[in-house]
Amino acid sequence: MRKELDAEKIKKVLGYLSLIFSISDLKSSDLIKAASMDFKDYEDAIQSACALRIKADYIVTRNLKDFTKSRVLAVNPPGLFKELGL
């Protein structure tokens, strides 16, 4: 979000999103799992490992190509609305 929004707007957006979605904590087991995953980017692997642990339905991202190896389906923001039937 930092690429497009200032700090104050990010706080507002995160506040609104927390009303709709659960925000998961990162665990050390996610870091260890991510290190063994076949991802080009370690940070993407961390997100995938965390999503897998919490049994997330989706990873919402603008970079779908970075999550082709994820076991949790990655969708872009408009794709999330489509998946939810909205």
PDB file of N, CA and C in Angstrom:
ATOM      1  N   MET A   1       0.816  -1.191   0.000  1.00  0.00           N
ATOM      2  CA  MET A   1       0.000   0.000   0.000  1.00  0.00           C
ATOM      3  C   MET A   1       0.861   1.256   0.000  1.00  0.00           C
ATOM      4  N   ARG A   2       2.086   1.130   0.496  1.00  0.00           N
ATOM      5  CA  ARG A   2       2.947   2.312   0.574  1.00  0.00           C
ATOM      6  C   ARG A   2       3.259   2.921  -0.781  1.00  0.00           C
ATOM      7  N   LYS A   3       3.140   2.132  -1.825  1.00  0.00           N
ATOM      8  CA  LYS A   3       3.414   2.659  -3.160  1.00  0.00           C
ATOM      9  C   LYS A   3       2.336   3.635  -3.615  1.00  0.00           C
ATOM     10  N   GLU A   4       1.131   3.495  -3.064  1.00  0.00           N
ATOM     11  CA  GLU A   4       0.006   4.295  -3.548  1.00  0.00           C
ATOM     12  C   GLU A   4      -0.647   5.188  -2.507  1.00  0.00           C
ATOM     13  N   LEU A   5      -0.448   4.908  -1.209  1.00  0.00           N
ATOM     14  CA  LEU A   5      -1.142   5.654  -0.161  1.00  0.00           C
ATOM     15  C   LEU A   5      -0.171   6.205   0.868  1.00  0.00           C
ATOM     16  N   ASP A   6      -0.546   7.323   1.497  1.00  0.00           N
ATOM     17  CA  ASP A   6       0.274   7.839   2.588  1.00  0.00           C
ATOM     18  C   ASP A   6      -0.067   7.091   3.877  1.00  0.00           C
ATOM     19  N   ALA A   7       0.728   7.315   4.922  1.00  0.00           N
ATOM     20  CA  ALA A   7       0.596   6.564   6.171  1.00  0.00           C
ATOM     21  C   ALA A   7      -0.792   6.706   6.794  1.00  0.00           C
ATOM     22  N   GLU A   8      -1.372   7.884   6.746  1.00  0.00           N
ATOM     23  CA  GLU A   8      -2.686   8.102   7.352  1.00  0.00           C
ATOM     24  C   GLU A   8      -3.779   7.315   6.624  1.00  0.00           C
ATOM     25  N   LYS A   9      -3.728   7.294   5.299  1.00  0.00           N
ATOM     26  CA  LYS A   9      -4.722   6.533   4.532  1.00  0.00           C
ATOM     27  C   LYS A   9      -4.554   5.033   4.751  1.00  0.00           C
ATOM     28  N   ILE A  10      -3.313   4.582   4.874  1.00  0.00           N
ATOM     29  CA  ILE A  10      -3.058   3.160   5.136  1.00  0.00           C
ATOM     30  C   ILE A  10      -3.694   2.754   6.462  1.00  0.00           C
ATOM     31  N   LYS A  11      -3.555   3.593   7.491  1.00  0.00           N
ATOM     32  CA  LYS A  11      -4.173   3.297   8.793  1.00  0.00           C
ATOM     33  C   LYS A  11      -5.680   3.154   8.661  1.00  0.00           C
ATOM     34  N   LYS A  12      -6.301   4.040   7.887  1.00  0.00           N
ATOM     35  CA  LYS A  12      -7.754   3.968   7.699  1.00  0.00           C
ATOM     36  C   LYS A  12      -8.149   2.687   6.967  1.00  0.00           C
ATOM     37  N   VAL A  13      -7.447   2.380   5.908  1.00  0.00           N
ATOM     38  CA  VAL A  13      -7.756   1.182   5.122  1.00  0.00           C
ATOM     39  C   VAL A  13      -7.612  -0.064   5.981  1.00  0.00           C
ATOM     40  N   LEU A  14      -6.517  -0.157   6.739  1.00  0.00           N
ATOM     41  CA  LEU A  14      -6.310  -1.329   7.594  1.00  0.00           C
ATOM     42  C   LEU A  14      -7.385  -1.419   8.672  1.00  0.00           C
ATOM     43  N   GLY A  15      -7.819  -0.280   9.176  1.00  0.00           N
ATOM     44  CA  GLY A  15      -8.909  -0.278  10.148  1.00  0.00           C
ATOM     45  C   GLY A  15     -10.187  -0.833   9.555  1.00  0.00           C
ATOM     46  N   TYR A  16     -10.509  -0.423   8.338  1.00  0.00           N
ATOM     47  CA  TYR A  16     -11.717  -0.928   7.671  1.00  0.00           C
ATOM     48  C   TYR A  16     -11.591  -2.420   7.359  1.00  0.00           C
ATOM     49  N   LEU A  17     -10.420  -2.818   6.855  1.00  0.00           N
ATOM     50  CA  LEU A  17     -10.230  -4.230   6.520  1.00  0.00           C
ATOM     51  C   LEU A  17     -10.319  -5.127   7.748  1.00  0.00           C
ATOM     52  N   SER A  18      -9.863  -4.624   8.884  1.00  0.00           N
ATOM     53  CA  SER A  18      -9.904  -5.448  10.103  1.00  0.00           C
ATOM     54  C   SER A  18     -11.336  -5.667  10.592  1.00  0.00           C
ATOM     55  N   LEU A  19     -12.271  -4.872  10.108  1.00  0.00           N
ATOM     56  CA  LEU A  19     -13.678  -5.083  10.447  1.00  0.00           C
ATOM     57  C   LEU A  19     -14.271  -6.245   9.656  1.00  0.00           C
ATOM     58  N   ILE A  20     -13.667  -6.540   8.516  1.00  0.00           N
ATOM     59  CA  ILE A  20     -14.189  -7.551   7.601  1.00  0.00           C
ATOM     60  C   ILE A  20     -13.394  -8.860   7.682  1.00  0.00           C
ATOM     61  N   PHE A  21     -12.074  -8.734   7.792  1.00  0.00           N
ATOM     62  CA  PHE A  21     -11.182  -9.890   7.724  1.00  0.00           C
ATOM     63  C   PHE A  21     -10.450 -10.099   9.033  1.00  0.00           C
ATOM     64  N   SER A  22     -10.046 -11.331   9.285  1.00  0.00           N
ATOM     65  CA  SER A  22      -9.161 -11.633  10.407  1.00  0.00           C
ATOM     66  C   SER A  22      -7.736 -11.399   9.951  1.00  0.00           C
ATOM     67  N   ILE A  23      -6.944 -10.808  10.794  1.00  0.00           N
ATOM     68  CA  ILE A  23      -5.537 -10.576  10.483  1.00  0.00           C
ATOM     69  C   ILE A  23      -4.730 -11.561  11.310  1.00  0.00           C
ATOM     70  N   SER A  24      -3.950 -12.381  10.635  1.00  0.00           N
ATOM     71  CA  SER A  24      -3.215 -13.450  11.297  1.00  0.00           C
ATOM     72  C   SER A  24      -1.825 -12.988  11.714  1.00  0.00           C
ATOM     73  N   ASP A  25      -1.374 -13.495  12.849  1.00  0.00           N
ATOM     74  CA  ASP A  25      -0.011 -13.240  13.304  1.00  0.00           C
ATOM     75  C   ASP A  25       0.957 -14.176  12.588  1.00  0.00           C
ATOM     76  N   LEU A  26       2.146 -13.693  12.397  1.00  0.00           N
ATOM     77  CA  LEU A  26       3.213 -14.495  11.816  1.00  0.00           C
ATOM     78  C   LEU A  26       3.858 -15.314  12.931  1.00  0.00           C
ATOM     79  N   LYS A  27       4.160 -16.557  12.645  1.00  0.00           N
ATOM     80  CA  LYS A  27       4.807 -17.431  13.631  1.00  0.00           C
ATOM     81  C   LYS A  27       6.152 -17.892  13.099  1.00  0.00           C
ATOM     82  N   SER A  28       7.018 -18.263  14.005  1.00  0.00           N
ATOM     83  CA  SER A  28       8.342 -18.731  13.586  1.00  0.00           C
ATOM     84  C   SER A  28       8.233 -19.956  12.688  1.00  0.00           C
ATOM     85  N   SER A  29       7.211 -20.779  12.906  1.00  0.00           N
ATOM     86  CA  SER A  29       7.027 -21.965  12.061  1.00  0.00           C
ATOM     87  C   SER A  29       6.746 -21.567  10.606  1.00  0.00           C
ATOM     88  N   ASP A  30       6.122 -20.396  10.402  1.00  0.00           N
ATOM     89  CA  ASP A  30       5.880 -19.913   9.041  1.00  0.00           C
ATOM     90  C   ASP A  30       7.201 -19.590   8.350  1.00  0.00           C
ATOM     91  N   LEU A  31       8.124 -18.992   9.093  1.00  0.00           N
ATOM     92  CA  LEU A  31       9.440 -18.647   8.529  1.00  0.00           C
ATOM     93  C   LEU A  31      10.217 -19.893   8.138  1.00  0.00           C
ATOM     94  N   ILE A  32      10.146 -20.902   8.992  1.00  0.00           N
ATOM     95  CA  ILE A  32      10.853 -22.158   8.717  1.00  0.00           C
ATOM     96  C   ILE A  32      10.228 -22.865   7.518  1.00  0.00           C
ATOM     97  N   LYS A  33       8.908 -22.942   7.489  1.00  0.00           N
ATOM     98  CA  LYS A  33       8.204 -23.571   6.366  1.00  0.00           C
ATOM     99  C   LYS A  33       8.525 -22.843   5.064  1.00  0.00           C
ATOM    100  N   ALA A  34       8.491 -21.510   5.105  1.00  0.00           N
ATOM    101  CA  ALA A  34       8.738 -20.706   3.901  1.00  0.00           C
ATOM    102  C   ALA A  34      10.131 -20.957   3.332  1.00  0.00           C
ATOM    103  N   ALA A  35      11.097 -21.164   4.193  1.00  0.00           N
ATOM    104  CA  ALA A  35      12.470 -21.405   3.738  1.00  0.00           C
ATOM    105  C   ALA A  35      12.589 -22.680   2.923  1.00  0.00           C
ATOM    106  N   SER A  36      11.677 -23.623   3.146  1.00  0.00           N
ATOM    107  CA  SER A  36      11.734 -24.885   2.405  1.00  0.00           C
ATOM    108  C   SER A  36      10.842 -24.889   1.165  1.00  0.00           C
ATOM    109  N   MET A  37      10.117 -23.792   0.945  1.00  0.00           N
ATOM    110  CA  MET A  37       9.201 -23.730  -0.197  1.00  0.00           C
ATOM    111  C   MET A  37       9.945 -23.272  -1.451  1.00  0.00           C
ATOM    112  N   ASP A  38       9.476 -23.708  -2.592  1.00  0.00           N
ATOM    113  CA  ASP A  38      10.120 -23.408  -3.876  1.00  0.00           C
ATOM    114  C   ASP A  38       9.553 -22.109  -4.474  1.00  0.00           C
ATOM    115  N   PHE A  39       9.786 -21.006  -3.785  1.00  0.00           N
ATOM    116  CA  PHE A  39       9.352 -19.687  -4.257  1.00  0.00           C
ATOM    117  C   PHE A  39      10.576 -18.873  -4.632  1.00  0.00           C
ATOM    118  N   LYS A  40      10.452 -17.991  -5.611  1.00  0.00           N
ATOM    119  CA  LYS A  40      11.553 -17.095  -5.960  1.00  0.00           C
ATOM    120  C   LYS A  40      11.766 -16.047  -4.875  1.00  0.00           C
ATOM    121  N   ASP A  41      10.675 -15.603  -4.252  1.00  0.00           N
ATOM    122  CA  ASP A  41      10.741 -14.536  -3.267  1.00  0.00           C
ATOM    123  C   ASP A  41      10.373 -15.087  -1.888  1.00  0.00           C
ATOM    124  N   TYR A  42      11.275 -14.933  -0.929  1.00  0.00           N
ATOM    125  CA  TYR A  42      11.055 -15.466   0.416  1.00  0.00           C
ATOM    126  C   TYR A  42       9.837 -14.829   1.088  1.00  0.00           C
ATOM    127  N   GLU A  43       9.627 -13.537   0.908  1.00  0.00           N
ATOM    128  CA  GLU A  43       8.480 -12.873   1.530  1.00  0.00           C
ATOM    129  C   GLU A  43       7.159 -13.434   0.998  1.00  0.00           C
ATOM    130  N   ASP A  44       7.094 -13.755  -0.282  1.00  0.00           N
ATOM    131  CA  ASP A  44       5.893 -14.385  -0.838  1.00  0.00           C
ATOM    132  C   ASP A  44       5.700 -15.777  -0.240  1.00  0.00           C
ATOM    133  N   ALA A  45       6.796 -16.494  -0.057  1.00  0.00           N
ATOM    134  CA  ALA A  45       6.721 -17.822   0.553  1.00  0.00           C
ATOM    135  C   ALA A  45       6.211 -17.721   1.989  1.00  0.00           C
ATOM    136  N   ILE A  46       6.623 -16.689   2.713  1.00  0.00           N
ATOM    137  CA  ILE A  46       6.134 -16.488   4.082  1.00  0.00           C
ATOM    138  C   ILE A  46       4.623 -16.291   4.073  1.00  0.00           C
ATOM    139  N   GLN A  47       4.134 -15.471   3.158  1.00  0.00           N
ATOM    140  CA  GLN A  47       2.686 -15.243   3.071  1.00  0.00           C
ATOM    141  C   GLN A  47       1.952 -16.543   2.755  1.00  0.00           C
ATOM    142  N   SER A  48       2.500 -17.316   1.851  1.00  0.00           N
ATOM    143  CA  SER A  48       1.870 -18.576   1.477  1.00  0.00           C
ATOM    144  C   SER A  48       1.884 -19.560   2.647  1.00  0.00           C
ATOM    145  N   ALA A  49       3.002 -19.646   3.356  1.00  0.00           N
ATOM    146  CA  ALA A  49       3.100 -20.555   4.501  1.00  0.00           C
ATOM    147  C   ALA A  49       2.120 -20.162   5.602  1.00  0.00           C
ATOM    148  N   CYS A  50       2.003 -18.877   5.861  1.00  0.00           N
ATOM    149  CA  CYS A  50       1.072 -18.398   6.884  1.00  0.00           C
ATOM    150  C   CYS A  50      -0.373 -18.685   6.458  1.00  0.00           C
ATOM    151  N   ALA A  51      -0.687 -18.427   5.199  1.00  0.00           N
ATOM    152  CA  ALA A  51      -2.040 -18.684   4.690  1.00  0.00           C
ATOM    153  C   ALA A  51      -2.378 -20.165   4.785  1.00  0.00           C
ATOM    154  N   LEU A  52      -1.414 -20.999   4.498  1.00  0.00           N
ATOM    155  CA  LEU A  52      -1.621 -22.445   4.590  1.00  0.00           C
ATOM    156  C   LEU A  52      -1.887 -22.860   6.039  1.00  0.00           C
ATOM    157  N   ARG A  53      -1.097 -22.327   6.967  1.00  0.00           N
ATOM    158  CA  ARG A  53      -1.260 -22.680   8.384  1.00  0.00           C
ATOM    159  C   ARG A  53      -2.630 -22.295   8.918  1.00  0.00           C
ATOM    160  N   ILE A  54      -3.118 -21.122   8.551  1.00  0.00           N
ATOM    161  CA  ILE A  54      -4.406 -20.668   9.104  1.00  0.00           C
ATOM    162  C   ILE A  54      -5.592 -21.163   8.281  1.00  0.00           C
ATOM    163  N   LYS A  55      -5.281 -21.936   7.240  1.00  0.00           N
ATOM    164  CA  LYS A  55      -6.316 -22.478   6.350  1.00  0.00           C
ATOM    165  C   LYS A  55      -7.126 -21.353   5.689  1.00  0.00           C
ATOM    166  N   ALA A  56      -6.389 -20.351   5.197  1.00  0.00           N
ATOM    167  CA  ALA A  56      -7.019 -19.226   4.506  1.00  0.00           C
ATOM    168  C   ALA A  56      -7.669 -19.712   3.213  1.00  0.00           C
ATOM    169  N   ASP A  57      -8.728 -19.064   2.834  1.00  0.00           N
ATOM    170  CA  ASP A  57      -9.384 -19.396   1.573  1.00  0.00           C
ATOM    171  C   ASP A  57      -8.622 -18.816   0.384  1.00  0.00           C
ATOM    172  N   TYR A  58      -8.048 -17.633   0.573  1.00  0.00           N
ATOM    173  CA  TYR A  58      -7.372 -16.925  -0.519  1.00  0.00           C
ATOM    174  C   TYR A  58      -6.195 -16.118   0.003  1.00  0.00           C
ATOM    175  N   ILE A  59      -5.255 -15.866  -0.896  1.00  0.00           N
ATOM    176  CA  ILE A  59      -4.246 -14.828  -0.717  1.00  0.00           C
ATOM    177  C   ILE A  59      -4.640 -13.740  -1.702  1.00  0.00           C
ATOM    178  N   VAL A  60      -4.846 -12.533  -1.218  1.00  0.00           N
ATOM    179  CA  VAL A  60      -5.237 -11.430  -2.087  1.00  0.00           C
ATOM    180  C   VAL A  60      -3.982 -10.628  -2.412  1.00  0.00           C
ATOM    181  N   THR A  61      -3.680 -10.521  -3.703  1.00  0.00           N
ATOM    182  CA  THR A  61      -2.459  -9.864  -4.154  1.00  0.00           C
ATOM    183  C   THR A  61      -2.650  -9.298  -5.549  1.00  0.00           C
ATOM    184  N   ARG A  62      -1.863  -8.293  -5.864  1.00  0.00           N
ATOM    185  CA  ARG A  62      -1.872  -7.784  -7.238  1.00  0.00           C
ATOM    186  C   ARG A  62      -0.868  -8.546  -8.101  1.00  0.00           C
ATOM    187  N   ASN A  63      -0.035  -9.364  -7.469  1.00  0.00           N
ATOM    188  CA  ASN A  63       1.014 -10.094  -8.191  1.00  0.00           C
ATOM    189  C   ASN A  63       0.722 -11.589  -8.212  1.00  0.00           C
ATOM    190  N   LEU A  64      -0.269 -11.967  -8.967  1.00  0.00           N
ATOM    191  CA  LEU A  64      -0.671 -13.374  -9.028  1.00  0.00           C
ATOM    192  C   LEU A  64       0.462 -14.287  -9.469  1.00  0.00           C
ATOM    193  N   LYS A  65       1.303 -13.802 -10.366  1.00  0.00           N
ATOM    194  CA  LYS A  65       2.380 -14.635 -10.896  1.00  0.00           C
ATOM    195  C   LYS A  65       3.368 -15.077  -9.818  1.00  0.00           C
ATOM    196  N   ASP A  66       3.440 -14.317  -8.726  1.00  0.00           N
ATOM    197  CA  ASP A  66       4.356 -14.674  -7.643  1.00  0.00           C
ATOM    198  C   ASP A  66       3.842 -15.813  -6.779  1.00  0.00           C
ATOM    199  N   PHE A  67       2.582 -16.199  -6.961  1.00  0.00           N
ATOM    200  CA  PHE A  67       1.972 -17.213  -6.105  1.00  0.00           C
ATOM    201  C   PHE A  67       1.498 -18.437  -6.887  1.00  0.00           C
ATOM    202  N   THR A  68       2.094 -18.685  -8.038  1.00  0.00           N
ATOM    203  CA  THR A  68       1.685 -19.839  -8.838  1.00  0.00           C
ATOM    204  C   THR A  68       1.980 -21.161  -8.124  1.00  0.00           C
ATOM    205  N   LYS A  69       2.952 -21.175  -7.217  1.00  0.00           N
ATOM    206  CA  LYS A  69       3.291 -22.402  -6.493  1.00  0.00           C
ATOM    207  C   LYS A  69       2.614 -22.489  -5.131  1.00  0.00           C
ATOM    208  N   SER A  70       1.779 -21.526  -4.815  1.00  0.00           N
ATOM    209  CA  SER A  70       1.097 -21.512  -3.529  1.00  0.00           C
ATOM    210  C   SER A  70      -0.007 -22.561  -3.498  1.00  0.00           C
ATOM    211  N   ARG A  71      -0.141 -23.234  -2.351  1.00  0.00           N
ATOM    212  CA  ARG A  71      -1.223 -24.211  -2.181  1.00  0.00           C
ATOM    213  C   ARG A  71      -2.525 -23.512  -1.784  1.00  0.00           C
ATOM    214  N   VAL A  72      -2.448 -22.219  -1.452  1.00  0.00           N
ATOM    215  CA  VAL A  72      -3.638 -21.411  -1.188  1.00  0.00           C
ATOM    216  C   VAL A  72      -3.857 -20.541  -2.423  1.00  0.00           C
ATOM    217  N   LEU A  73      -5.064 -20.557  -2.949  1.00  0.00           N
ATOM    218  CA  LEU A  73      -5.378 -19.830  -4.168  1.00  0.00           C
ATOM    219  C   LEU A  73      -5.112 -18.336  -4.009  1.00  0.00           C
ATOM    220  N   ALA A  74      -4.356 -17.769  -4.929  1.00  0.00           N
ATOM    221  CA  ALA A  74      -4.102 -16.329  -4.948  1.00  0.00           C
ATOM    222  C   ALA A  74      -5.058 -15.676  -5.944  1.00  0.00           C
ATOM    223  N   VAL A  75      -5.682 -14.597  -5.511  1.00  0.00           N
ATOM    224  CA  VAL A  75      -6.597 -13.833  -6.360  1.00  0.00           C
ATOM    225  C   VAL A  75      -6.246 -12.360  -6.227  1.00  0.00           C
ATOM    226  N   ASN A  76      -6.540 -11.589  -7.288  1.00  0.00           N
ATOM    227  CA  ASN A  76      -6.353 -10.151  -7.184  1.00  0.00           C
ATOM    228  C   ASN A  76      -7.600  -9.544  -6.541  1.00  0.00           C
ATOM    229  N   PRO A  77      -7.548  -8.273  -6.124  1.00  0.00           N
ATOM    230  CA  PRO A  77      -8.715  -7.693  -5.442  1.00  0.00           C
ATOM    231  C   PRO A  77     -10.031  -7.849  -6.210  1.00  0.00           C
ATOM    232  N   PRO A  78     -10.095  -7.525  -7.512  1.00  0.00           N
ATOM    233  CA  PRO A  78     -11.365  -7.756  -8.211  1.00  0.00           C
ATOM    234  C   PRO A  78     -11.742  -9.244  -8.260  1.00  0.00           C
ATOM    235  N   GLY A  79     -10.726 -10.113  -8.330  1.00  0.00           N
ATOM    236  CA  GLY A  79     -10.994 -11.549  -8.349  1.00  0.00           C
ATOM    237  C   GLY A  79     -11.589 -12.043  -7.046  1.00  0.00           C
ATOM    238  N   LEU A  80     -11.235 -11.392  -5.934  1.00  0.00           N
ATOM    239  CA  LEU A  80     -11.824 -11.770  -4.655  1.00  0.00           C
ATOM    240  C   LEU A  80     -13.322 -11.521  -4.675  1.00  0.00           C
ATOM    241  N   PHE A  81     -13.743 -10.373  -5.189  1.00  0.00           N
ATOM    242  CA  PHE A  81     -15.164 -10.085  -5.258  1.00  0.00           C
ATOM    243  C   PHE A  81     -15.879 -11.098  -6.144  1.00  0.00           C
ATOM    244  N   LYS A  82     -15.224 -11.486  -7.232  1.00  0.00           N
ATOM    245  CA  LYS A  82     -15.820 -12.492  -8.131  1.00  0.00           C
ATOM    246  C   LYS A  82     -15.950 -13.825  -7.407  1.00  0.00           C
ATOM    247  N   GLU A  83     -14.894 -14.239  -6.681  1.00  0.00           N
ATOM    248  CA  GLU A  83     -14.936 -15.504  -5.939  1.00  0.00           C
ATOM    249  C   GLU A  83     -16.042 -15.496  -4.880  1.00  0.00           C
ATOM    250  N   LEU A  84     -16.274 -14.328  -4.291  1.00  0.00           N
ATOM    251  CA  LEU A  84     -17.290 -14.201  -3.242  1.00  0.00           C
ATOM    252  C   LEU A  84     -18.691 -13.986  -3.812  1.00  0.00           C
ATOM    253  N   GLY A  85     -18.794 -13.903  -5.138  1.00  0.00           N
ATOM    254  CA  GLY A  85     -20.098 -13.710  -5.775  1.00  0.00           C
ATOM    255  C   GLY A  85     -20.643 -12.305  -5.632  1.00  0.00           C
ATOM    256  N   LEU A  86     -19.744 -11.338  -5.498  1.00  0.00           N
ATOM    257  CA  LEU A  86     -20.180  -9.943  -5.329  1.00  0.00           C
ATOM    258  C   LEU A  86     -19.985  -9.136  -6.598  1.00  0.00           C
TER     259      LEU A  86
END
